[in-house]
Amino acid sequence: MVVKEVMSLKPITIRSRDSLYLALNLMRKHNIRHLPVVDEGRLRGIITESDIRGAFLGDADHPSAPLNPEAMTVCDHMTQEPVAVAPGTHIEDAALLIYKKKIGALPVVQEHSLVGIISIMDILGLFVDMMGILHSSSRLDVVMGKDPKNFEKVSKIINDQGINIISVGMSPFKEDKNRQTYIFRLDLCETGPVVEKITSAGFQVISAMD
């Protein structure tokens, strides 16, 4: 999956010479924390709620700036040349950038023009959707060896019962480093019959939730 499939289109923007007062009002009105700064169609920077909060408290880098949001301009407090990604960037790479740079959002740029924005909340929403957390579902935790054939066997058992696998997660199995726990999230079902099949095939089911 790539950024353009998840990003917010037509993000709210502001100009570099606009006031912090306007920036703050836009954030409050649209319930956002990041504003790309765009002049003449080109991305010039990004300003965040944290930037504005710091400016209102008195920025050490601008000791002479008046503490009047209507007189303070975005360009004096924005991040210039912000980290940005292209629409075709893989979601994993965008998420890694957000994590490493400790930022809340990434402008999405194509040929120097802003085409969208992707935030940590967009990525979290994608994760929640992929894991099926908001959907009524069942869950099986199965311990197996790391050979991919084991995963294929258990998946086939589940599918042969007419049960759809929504997502699969993995975690280490503390009692044996050569095995790991696979967390299967399934369409809502009665897990008893499939647990019996998996156990009969020689695998250990350590948790089952209908």
Protein backbone atom coordinates (compact mmCIF):
# COMPACT_ATOMS: atom_id res chain seq x y z
CA MET A 1 0.00 0.00 0.00
CA VAL A 2 1.25 3.48 -0.83
CA VAL A 3 0.71 6.94 0.64
CA LYS A 4 -1.75 8.17 -1.99
CA GLU A 5 -4.21 5.46 -0.92
CA VAL A 6 -4.31 6.74 2.65
CA MET A 7 -3.42 10.45 2.59
CA SER A 8 -5.90 13.26 3.16
CA LEU A 9 -6.60 15.04 -0.11
CA LYS A 10 -6.87 18.81 -0.40
CA PRO A 11 -5.34 19.59 3.01
CA ILE A 12 -6.05 22.90 4.71
CA THR A 13 -3.08 25.20 4.08
CA ILE A 14 -1.83 28.63 5.05
CA ARG A 15 0.52 31.20 3.51
CA SER A 16 3.86 32.12 4.99
CA ARG A 17 2.87 35.78 5.56
CA ASP A 18 -0.41 34.91 7.27
CA SER A 19 -0.70 35.46 11.00
CA LEU A 20 -0.43 32.89 13.76
CA TYR A 21 -3.90 34.01 14.80
CA LEU A 22 -5.28 32.80 11.46
CA ALA A 23 -3.26 29.58 11.70
CA LEU A 24 -4.61 28.84 15.16
CA ASN A 25 -8.20 29.53 14.09
CA LEU A 26 -7.84 27.22 11.08
CA MET A 27 -6.53 24.44 13.29
CA ARG A 28 -9.39 24.86 15.74
CA LYS A 29 -12.03 25.09 13.01
CA HIS A 30 -10.87 21.95 11.20
CA ASN A 31 -9.68 20.04 14.28
CA ILE A 32 -6.14 19.58 12.95
CA ARG A 33 -2.67 20.08 14.37
CA HIS A 34 -0.59 20.66 11.24
CA LEU A 35 -0.83 23.24 8.47
CA PRO A 36 1.31 22.98 5.34
CA VAL A 37 2.59 26.43 4.36
CA VAL A 38 2.05 27.03 0.66
CA ASP A 39 2.99 30.08 -1.41
CA GLU A 40 2.09 30.27 -5.10
CA GLY A 41 1.31 26.58 -5.20
CA ARG A 42 4.60 25.44 -3.69
CA LEU A 43 5.25 23.93 -0.29
CA ARG A 44 7.37 26.31 1.79
CA GLY A 45 7.09 24.75 5.22
CA ILE A 46 4.78 23.36 7.87
CA ILE A 47 3.53 24.86 11.10
CA THR A 48 2.17 22.84 13.99
CA GLU A 49 0.07 23.45 17.05
CA SER A 50 3.25 23.00 19.08
CA ASP A 51 5.03 25.72 17.07
CA ILE A 52 2.21 28.15 17.78
CA ARG A 53 2.08 27.26 21.44
CA GLY A 54 5.82 27.89 21.72
CA ALA A 55 5.48 31.22 19.92
CA PHE A 56 2.71 32.41 22.23
CA LEU A 57 4.83 31.55 25.26
CA GLY A 58 7.74 33.51 23.89
CA ASP A 59 10.20 31.82 21.58
CA ALA A 60 13.83 32.11 22.67
CA ASP A 61 14.83 32.35 19.01
CA HIS A 62 12.63 35.43 18.58
CA PRO A 63 12.97 37.39 21.85
CA SER A 64 11.93 40.66 20.26
CA ALA A 65 8.80 39.31 18.57
CA PRO A 66 5.61 40.85 19.98
CA LEU A 67 3.42 38.34 21.78
CA ASN A 68 0.44 39.27 19.64
CA PRO A 69 -0.82 36.43 17.43
CA GLU A 70 -2.31 38.87 14.93
CA ALA A 71 1.10 40.50 14.45
CA MET A 72 3.16 37.29 14.44
CA THR A 73 3.63 35.65 11.05
CA VAL A 74 3.73 32.00 10.13
CA CYS A 75 7.07 32.28 8.33
CA ASP A 76 8.86 33.23 11.56
CA HIS A 77 7.77 30.08 13.37
CA MET A 78 7.20 27.40 10.74
CA THR A 79 9.56 24.52 9.94
CA GLN A 80 11.17 25.34 6.63
CA GLU A 81 11.88 22.60 4.08
CA PRO A 82 9.87 20.00 6.03
CA VAL A 83 10.29 16.27 5.56
CA ALA A 84 7.89 15.26 2.80
CA VAL A 85 7.02 12.16 0.79
CA ALA A 86 5.78 11.40 -2.70
CA PRO A 87 2.34 9.86 -3.39
CA GLY A 88 4.00 6.58 -4.37
CA THR A 89 5.94 6.19 -1.12
CA HIS A 90 5.19 2.93 0.68
CA ILE A 91 3.17 3.32 3.88
CA GLU A 92 5.86 1.47 5.85
CA ASP A 93 8.48 4.02 4.75
CA ALA A 94 6.21 6.95 5.66
CA ALA A 95 5.50 5.44 9.08
CA LEU A 96 9.23 4.92 9.67
CA LEU A 97 9.92 8.56 8.78
CA ILE A 98 7.26 9.79 11.20
CA TYR A 99 8.71 7.58 13.93
CA LYS A 100 12.37 8.46 13.35
CA LYS A 101 11.79 12.20 12.93
CA LYS A 102 9.28 12.30 15.82
CA ILE A 103 6.78 14.29 13.77
CA GLY A 104 3.00 14.09 13.53
CA ALA A 105 2.44 14.44 9.79
CA LEU A 106 4.13 14.40 6.41
CA PRO A 107 3.19 16.68 3.50
CA VAL A 108 2.76 14.73 0.26
CA VAL A 109 4.43 16.47 -2.66
CA GLN A 110 4.49 15.84 -6.39
CA GLU A 111 6.64 18.03 -8.63
CA HIS A 112 7.04 20.58 -5.79
CA SER A 113 3.26 20.92 -5.42
CA LEU A 114 1.36 19.83 -2.33
CA VAL A 115 -1.13 17.07 -3.19
CA GLY A 116 -2.01 15.80 0.27
CA ILE A 117 -0.91 15.14 3.83
CA ILE A 118 -0.57 11.94 5.82
CA SER A 119 -0.63 12.01 9.60
CA ILE A 120 0.16 9.57 12.35
CA MET A 121 -3.61 9.28 12.89
CA ASP A 122 -4.11 8.24 9.25
CA ILE A 123 -1.53 5.48 9.70
CA LEU A 124 -3.02 4.40 13.02
CA GLY A 125 -6.47 4.28 11.41
CA LEU A 126 -5.09 2.06 8.66
CA PHE A 127 -3.54 -0.25 11.25
CA VAL A 128 -6.81 -0.48 13.19
CA ASP A 129 -8.71 -1.24 10.00
CA MET A 130 -6.21 -3.89 8.86
CA MET A 131 -6.30 -5.59 12.25
CA GLY A 132 -10.09 -5.60 12.24
CA ILE A 133 -10.13 -4.13 15.74
CA LEU A 134 -13.35 -2.18 15.18
CA HIS A 135 -15.16 -5.13 13.62
CA SER A 136 -16.94 -7.90 15.49
CA SER A 137 -14.44 -10.73 15.29
CA SER A 138 -13.03 -13.86 16.88
CA ARG A 139 -9.42 -14.56 17.79
CA LEU A 140 -7.10 -17.56 17.95
CA ASP A 141 -3.56 -17.51 19.38
CA VAL A 142 -1.62 -20.46 17.97
CA VAL A 143 1.96 -21.43 18.85
CA MET A 144 3.94 -23.00 16.03
CA GLY A 145 7.44 -23.39 14.65
CA LYS A 146 8.81 -20.63 12.43
CA ASP A 147 8.76 -22.76 9.28
CA PRO A 148 6.31 -21.02 6.88
CA LYS A 149 4.77 -24.41 6.12
CA ASN A 150 3.31 -24.46 9.64
CA PHE A 151 1.53 -21.15 9.03
CA GLU A 152 0.24 -22.46 5.71
CA LYS A 153 -1.15 -25.59 7.39
CA VAL A 154 -2.97 -23.68 10.13
CA SER A 155 -4.33 -21.12 7.67
CA LYS A 156 -5.64 -23.92 5.46
CA ILE A 157 -7.38 -25.55 8.44
CA ILE A 158 -9.11 -22.27 9.24
CA ASN A 159 -10.10 -21.61 5.62
CA ASP A 160 -11.35 -25.17 5.19
CA GLN A 161 -13.83 -24.45 8.01
CA GLY A 162 -15.24 -21.63 5.89
CA ILE A 163 -13.78 -18.97 8.21
CA ASN A 164 -12.27 -15.78 6.82
CA ILE A 165 -8.94 -14.60 8.26
CA ILE A 166 -9.09 -10.82 8.77
CA SER A 167 -5.50 -10.33 9.89
CA VAL A 168 -2.52 -12.12 11.40
CA GLY A 169 -0.03 -10.80 13.93
CA MET A 170 3.05 -12.42 15.44
CA SER A 171 4.78 -12.26 18.80
CA PRO A 172 7.70 -14.16 20.36
CA PHE A 173 6.93 -17.31 22.35
CA LYS A 174 8.91 -16.84 25.55
CA GLU A 175 9.12 -20.54 26.42
CA ASP A 176 10.80 -21.53 23.15
CA LYS A 177 12.75 -19.16 20.90
CA ASN A 178 12.29 -21.53 17.96
CA ARG A 179 8.53 -21.03 18.05
CA GLN A 180 6.30 -17.97 17.97
CA THR A 181 2.70 -17.08 18.60
CA TYR A 182 0.49 -16.27 15.63
CA ILE A 183 -2.54 -14.14 16.47
CA PHE A 184 -5.33 -14.87 14.00
CA ARG A 185 -8.21 -12.39 13.93
CA LEU A 186 -11.18 -14.04 12.24
CA ASP A 187 -14.68 -13.19 11.13
CA LEU A 188 -16.99 -13.71 14.09
CA CYS A 189 -17.42 -17.45 14.56
CA GLU A 190 -17.65 -20.30 17.03
CA THR A 191 -13.99 -21.20 17.57
CA GLY A 192 -14.46 -24.62 19.23
CA PRO A 193 -14.52 -26.76 16.05
CA VAL A 194 -11.54 -25.05 14.43
CA VAL A 195 -9.54 -25.19 17.69
CA GLU A 196 -10.14 -28.95 17.75
CA LYS A 197 -8.92 -29.29 14.15
CA ILE A 198 -5.79 -27.22 14.78
CA THR A 199 -4.97 -29.13 17.96
CA SER A 200 -5.47 -32.48 16.19
CA ALA A 201 -2.94 -31.33 13.59
CA GLY A 202 -0.34 -31.01 16.32
CA PHE A 203 -0.41 -27.30 17.01
CA GLN A 204 -0.90 -25.56 20.37
CA VAL A 205 -3.81 -23.15 20.73
CA ILE A 206 -3.13 -21.02 23.80
CA SER A 207 -6.14 -18.71 23.52
CA ALA A 208 -9.48 -18.65 21.71
CA MET A 209 -12.15 -15.96 21.82
CA ASP A 210 -15.52 -16.17 20.04
